[in-house]
Protein backbone atom coordinates (compact mmCIF):
# COMPACT_ATOMS: atom_id res chain seq x y z
CA SER A 1 -36.62 -36.97 75.22
CA ILE A 2 -38.12 -33.72 73.94
CA GLY A 3 -39.46 -32.78 77.34
CA GLY A 4 -36.03 -33.14 78.93
CA ASP A 5 -34.18 -31.09 76.31
CA PHE A 6 -36.58 -28.16 76.24
CA LYS A 7 -37.71 -27.56 79.77
CA ARG A 8 -40.56 -25.07 80.09
CA LEU A 9 -40.50 -22.74 83.07
CA LYS A 10 -43.88 -22.59 84.76
CA ALA A 11 -45.12 -19.58 86.67
CA LYS A 12 -46.33 -20.11 90.18
CA VAL A 13 -49.43 -18.44 91.50
CA GLY A 14 -48.75 -15.17 93.32
CA LYS A 15 -45.17 -14.86 92.08
CA LYS A 16 -43.56 -12.95 89.23
CA ALA A 17 -43.18 -14.85 86.03
CA PRO A 18 -39.63 -16.10 85.50
CA GLN A 19 -37.50 -14.57 82.79
CA ARG A 20 -37.36 -16.39 79.51
CA ILE A 21 -34.09 -17.95 78.50
CA ASN A 22 -33.97 -16.23 75.08
CA GLU A 23 -35.23 -12.85 76.30
CA THR A 24 -33.05 -9.83 75.37
CA GLN A 25 -32.31 -7.18 77.97
CA THR A 26 -33.19 -3.71 76.65
CA LYS A 27 -32.36 -1.76 79.77
CA PHE A 28 -29.25 0.41 79.95
CA GLN A 29 -27.53 2.62 82.50
CA SER A 30 -26.18 6.12 81.94
CA SER A 31 -23.37 7.86 83.82
CA SER A 32 -22.34 11.49 84.08
CA VAL A 33 -19.03 13.22 84.70
CA HIS A 34 -18.96 15.86 87.42
CA VAL A 35 -16.26 18.47 86.63
CA GLN A 36 -15.55 20.59 89.67
CA SER A 37 -13.91 23.37 87.64
CA GLN A 38 -17.12 23.95 85.70
CA VAL A 39 -19.11 24.12 88.90
CA ASP A 40 -16.60 26.55 90.38
CA SER A 41 -16.64 28.77 87.30
CA PHE A 42 -20.44 28.79 87.29
CA SER A 43 -20.54 29.69 90.97
CA LYS A 44 -18.03 32.47 90.41
CA LYS A 45 -20.10 33.93 87.58
CA LYS A 46 -23.23 33.67 89.69
CA SER A 47 -21.59 35.39 92.65
CA SER A 48 -20.02 38.08 90.46
CA SER A 49 -23.44 39.00 89.06
CA ALA A 50 -24.61 39.80 92.59
CA SER A 51 -21.42 41.64 93.63
CA ASN A 52 -21.19 45.31 94.54
CA ASN A 53 -19.87 48.22 92.48
CA ASP A 54 -16.27 47.62 93.53
CA ASP A 55 -16.36 44.12 92.09
CA GLY A 56 -17.83 45.55 88.89
CA LYS A 57 -14.91 47.94 88.59
CA SER A 58 -12.39 45.15 89.08
CA GLU A 59 -14.10 43.04 86.40
CA GLU A 60 -14.06 45.99 84.05
CA LEU A 61 -10.33 46.42 84.66
CA THR A 62 -9.70 42.73 84.00
CA SER A 63 -11.71 42.81 80.77
CA SER A 64 -9.85 45.91 79.62
CA LEU A 65 -6.58 43.96 79.87
CA GLN A 66 -7.83 41.19 77.59
CA LEU A 67 -7.04 41.13 73.88
CA ILE A 68 -10.05 39.92 71.89
CA SER A 69 -10.29 39.54 68.14
CA GLY A 70 -13.14 40.75 66.00
CA LYS A 71 -14.72 37.29 66.15
CA GLY A 72 -14.73 37.33 69.95
CA ASN A 73 -11.82 34.92 70.50
CA THR A 74 -9.26 35.64 73.19
CA VAL A 75 -5.55 35.76 72.43
CA GLU A 76 -4.93 32.80 74.75
CA TYR A 77 -7.27 30.61 72.71
CA LEU A 78 -5.88 31.79 69.38
CA LEU A 79 -2.24 31.27 70.38
CA HIS A 80 -3.11 27.78 71.56
CA GLN A 81 -4.48 27.07 68.08
CA VAL A 82 -1.37 28.56 66.50
CA GLY A 83 0.98 26.35 68.48
CA HIS A 84 -0.89 23.04 68.46
CA HIS A 85 -3.20 22.78 65.45
CA PRO A 86 -1.81 20.47 62.74
CA SER A 87 -3.54 22.24 59.86
CA PRO A 88 -1.65 25.21 58.34
CA VAL A 89 -4.96 26.80 57.35
CA SER A 90 -6.20 26.74 60.93
CA ARG A 91 -2.88 28.05 62.26
CA LEU A 92 -2.95 30.90 59.76
CA SER A 93 -6.54 31.77 60.64
CA ALA A 94 -5.70 31.80 64.36
CA LEU A 95 -2.60 33.95 63.80
CA LYS A 96 -4.67 36.42 61.77
CA GLY A 97 -7.00 36.59 64.75
CA VAL A 98 -4.04 37.49 66.97
CA LEU A 99 -3.03 40.21 64.52
CA ASP A 100 -6.59 41.52 64.47
CA ALA A 101 -6.69 41.64 68.29
CA ILE A 102 -3.44 43.63 68.40
CA GLN A 103 -4.64 46.06 65.74
CA ARG A 104 -7.98 46.54 67.53
CA CYS A 105 -6.13 47.38 70.74
CA GLN A 106 -3.92 49.81 68.83
CA LYS A 107 -6.96 51.56 67.31
CA LYS A 108 -8.55 51.77 70.73
CA GLN A 109 -5.44 53.55 71.98
CA GLN A 110 -5.57 56.03 69.13
CA ASN A 111 -9.29 56.77 69.46
CA LYS A 112 -9.37 57.17 73.23
CA ASN A 113 -5.90 58.75 73.41
CA ASN A 114 -5.03 56.76 76.53
CA SER A 115 -2.34 54.34 77.62
CA ASN A 116 -4.10 51.01 77.48
CA SER A 117 -1.75 48.46 79.02
CA ALA A 118 -3.44 45.43 77.42
CA LEU A 119 -0.46 44.80 75.15
CA VAL A 120 1.96 44.99 78.06
CA ALA A 121 -0.18 42.66 80.15
CA ASN A 122 -0.16 40.04 77.37
CA LEU A 123 3.49 40.27 76.31
CA SER A 124 4.29 37.08 78.23
CA ILE A 125 2.09 35.06 75.87
CA LEU A 126 2.27 37.17 72.71
CA ILE A 127 6.03 37.13 72.12
CA PRO A 128 6.60 33.38 72.73
CA GLY A 129 3.45 32.41 70.84
CA ILE A 130 4.18 34.54 67.79
CA SER A 131 7.90 33.71 67.80
CA LYS A 132 7.12 30.04 67.19
CA CYS A 133 5.77 30.99 63.78
CA LEU A 134 9.22 32.18 62.67
CA VAL A 135 10.23 28.57 62.01
CA ASP A 136 6.93 27.56 60.40
CA GLU A 137 7.28 26.14 56.89
CA ASN A 138 4.20 27.96 55.63
CA ASP A 139 5.10 31.25 53.92
CA SER A 140 1.77 32.93 54.70
CA ILE A 141 2.10 32.11 58.40
CA ARG A 142 5.57 33.66 58.57
CA LEU A 143 4.35 36.75 56.71
CA THR A 144 1.48 37.17 59.19
CA CYS A 145 4.00 36.62 61.98
CA LEU A 146 6.08 39.57 60.77
CA MET A 147 2.99 41.73 60.48
CA SER A 148 2.00 40.78 64.03
CA PHE A 149 5.39 41.75 65.41
CA ARG A 150 5.26 45.05 63.53
CA ALA A 151 1.79 45.81 64.94
CA LEU A 152 2.90 44.79 68.43
CA TYR A 153 5.97 47.03 68.36
CA ASP A 154 3.95 49.93 66.96
CA GLY A 155 1.46 49.50 69.78
CA LEU A 156 4.22 49.58 72.39
CA LEU A 157 5.72 52.69 70.81
CA LEU A 158 2.28 54.32 70.71
CA GLN A 159 1.78 53.56 74.38
CA SER A 160 5.23 54.95 75.23
CA SER A 161 4.44 58.20 73.40
CA SER A 162 1.06 58.55 75.13
CA CYS A 163 2.72 58.03 78.51
CA GLU A 164 5.56 60.45 77.69
CA ARG A 165 8.04 57.59 77.64
CA THR A 166 10.92 56.89 75.32
CA ALA A 167 11.68 53.89 73.16
CA ALA A 168 14.17 52.77 75.81
CA ASP A 169 11.25 52.18 78.14
CA GLY A 170 9.74 49.90 75.51
CA VAL A 171 12.98 47.93 75.50
CA ILE A 172 12.65 47.52 79.26
CA LEU A 173 9.20 46.05 78.72
CA LEU A 174 10.56 43.60 76.14
CA ARG A 175 13.68 42.67 78.10
CA PRO A 176 12.28 39.60 79.95
CA PHE A 177 11.06 38.06 76.69
CA LEU A 178 13.94 38.90 74.37
CA PRO A 179 16.11 35.83 75.15
CA LEU A 180 13.38 33.43 74.02
CA HIS A 181 12.60 35.62 71.01
CA VAL A 182 16.26 35.69 69.98
CA ALA A 183 16.43 31.90 70.43
CA TYR A 184 13.68 31.48 67.83
CA LEU A 185 15.37 34.05 65.60
CA THR A 186 18.67 32.15 65.80
CA SER A 187 16.93 28.90 64.98
CA ALA A 188 15.22 30.50 61.98
CA LEU A 189 18.44 32.13 60.76
CA ASN A 190 20.15 28.73 60.81
CA SER A 191 17.31 26.95 59.03
CA LEU A 192 17.96 24.94 55.88
CA ASN A 193 15.02 26.71 54.24
CA GLY A 194 16.17 29.92 52.55
CA SER A 195 12.75 31.57 52.87
CA ILE A 196 12.74 31.01 56.63
CA ARG A 197 16.21 32.58 56.91
CA LEU A 198 15.04 35.58 54.90
CA ASP A 199 11.95 36.14 57.06
CA ALA A 200 14.07 35.81 60.21
CA ALA A 201 16.39 38.55 58.92
CA ARG A 202 13.34 40.70 58.21
CA CYS A 203 12.12 40.12 61.79
CA VAL A 204 15.47 41.30 63.15
CA LEU A 205 15.18 44.40 60.99
CA ILE A 206 11.65 45.11 62.28
CA LEU A 207 12.82 44.73 65.88
CA THR A 208 15.88 46.94 65.52
CA CYS A 209 13.98 49.64 63.59
CA ALA A 210 11.35 49.86 66.32
CA PHE A 211 13.77 49.52 69.25
CA PRO A 212 17.36 50.23 68.15
CA ARG A 213 18.74 49.34 71.58
CA ALA A 214 16.86 46.04 71.84
CA LEU A 215 19.89 43.98 70.84
CA GLY A 216 22.42 46.55 72.05
CA SER A 217 24.19 46.89 75.36
CA TYR A 218 21.28 47.74 77.62
CA GLY A 219 22.26 45.19 80.27
CA ASN A 220 23.74 47.75 82.64
CA ASP A 221 20.88 49.46 84.50
CA ASN A 222 23.22 52.02 86.03
CA ARG A 223 23.02 54.65 83.30
CA SER A 224 24.90 57.20 85.36
CA SER A 225 28.06 55.12 85.18
CA GLY A 226 28.23 55.63 81.40
CA THR A 227 29.85 52.25 80.82
CA SER A 228 28.76 50.00 77.99
CA SER A 229 28.09 46.43 79.11
CA ALA A 230 28.11 43.40 76.85
CA GLU A 231 25.54 41.70 79.04
CA GLY A 232 21.81 41.52 78.38
CA GLY A 233 20.97 42.70 74.88
CA GLY A 234 24.62 42.82 73.87
CA MET A 235 24.94 39.09 74.40
CA LEU A 236 21.68 38.53 72.50
CA GLY A 237 23.05 40.48 69.57
CA MET A 238 26.26 38.47 69.66
CA ASN A 239 24.21 35.27 69.39
CA LEU A 240 22.83 36.46 66.05
CA LEU A 241 26.16 37.47 64.49
CA PRO A 242 27.34 33.95 63.51
CA ALA A 243 24.07 33.30 61.70
CA PHE A 244 24.33 36.60 59.82
CA SER A 245 27.93 35.88 58.87
CA ARG A 246 26.85 32.59 57.33
CA LEU A 247 24.11 34.39 55.39
CA LEU A 248 26.64 36.85 54.03
CA GLY A 249 28.86 33.95 53.03
CA ASN A 250 26.00 32.43 51.01
CA ARG A 251 25.19 35.58 49.03
CA GLY A 252 26.57 34.20 45.81
CA SER A 253 24.83 30.83 46.07
CA GLY A 254 21.36 32.25 45.43
CA SER A 255 19.80 29.83 47.90
CA ALA A 256 19.43 32.23 50.77
CA THR A 257 17.57 35.09 49.15
CA PRO A 258 16.45 36.28 45.74
CA SER A 259 18.84 38.65 43.98
CA GLY A 260 21.56 37.62 46.42
CA GLY A 261 20.47 40.04 49.14
CA VAL A 262 19.58 39.10 52.69
CA LEU A 263 17.19 41.96 53.37
CA VAL A 264 15.40 42.13 50.05
CA GLY A 265 11.72 42.94 50.40
CA THR A 266 11.88 44.54 53.83
CA GLY A 267 10.29 47.66 52.42
CA THR A 268 6.94 45.89 52.79
CA PHE A 269 7.36 46.14 56.56
CA GLY A 270 9.22 49.43 56.70
């Protein structure tokens, strides 16, 4: 019967009306994520604002060691974009930001005539991050990479001169990061792409012009002994020789460089 198929729910007196069978629920629940790191960073900023003068001096020292581009981006953020962003345009823009941060630090050194150690403090991230661009397939990225290395080496030389140091002291600063840098150079020199091999040879030229002993025998710290050791930079230089010998063997093929020369065009960076 019709009454049995479509049963009507009746409301009882003094009780809430029952829910209809075809009624749609419009209620929803929201949830939030509580990130402890954000709370900690906010609390640190809040406490630092109420700190004394000594804390203000330490914050000023920390900020002076940061490399920031003209757009306000830190070098850490820019190098992360350089190494992980899939778009060549974005990688190039981030690498130009790194170059701008290095040049701004260099100008600050020249204007204030002081030994700002911001470059030295960021060498551990600058050299590995920029070295990755040596094997990038984009020509503009590799060109900006060479310009960044040139600006970085000039900044280290400028700091050494302001501190009455020699270029050998700059080599000491670069020593912990040279093995990884030479590894990228070796990979680029053995690339199947002739343009990458050419830019890698240019990078070696830039390094050796700025620091002639960078790939030499500086491994022996005992300078008074007067002995020449093949350890350290000497071994790094030996790792590059097989790649250069193969480049010299391909001079006549025309695939390595234009005009058959390995170091053609280095005057742009000289």
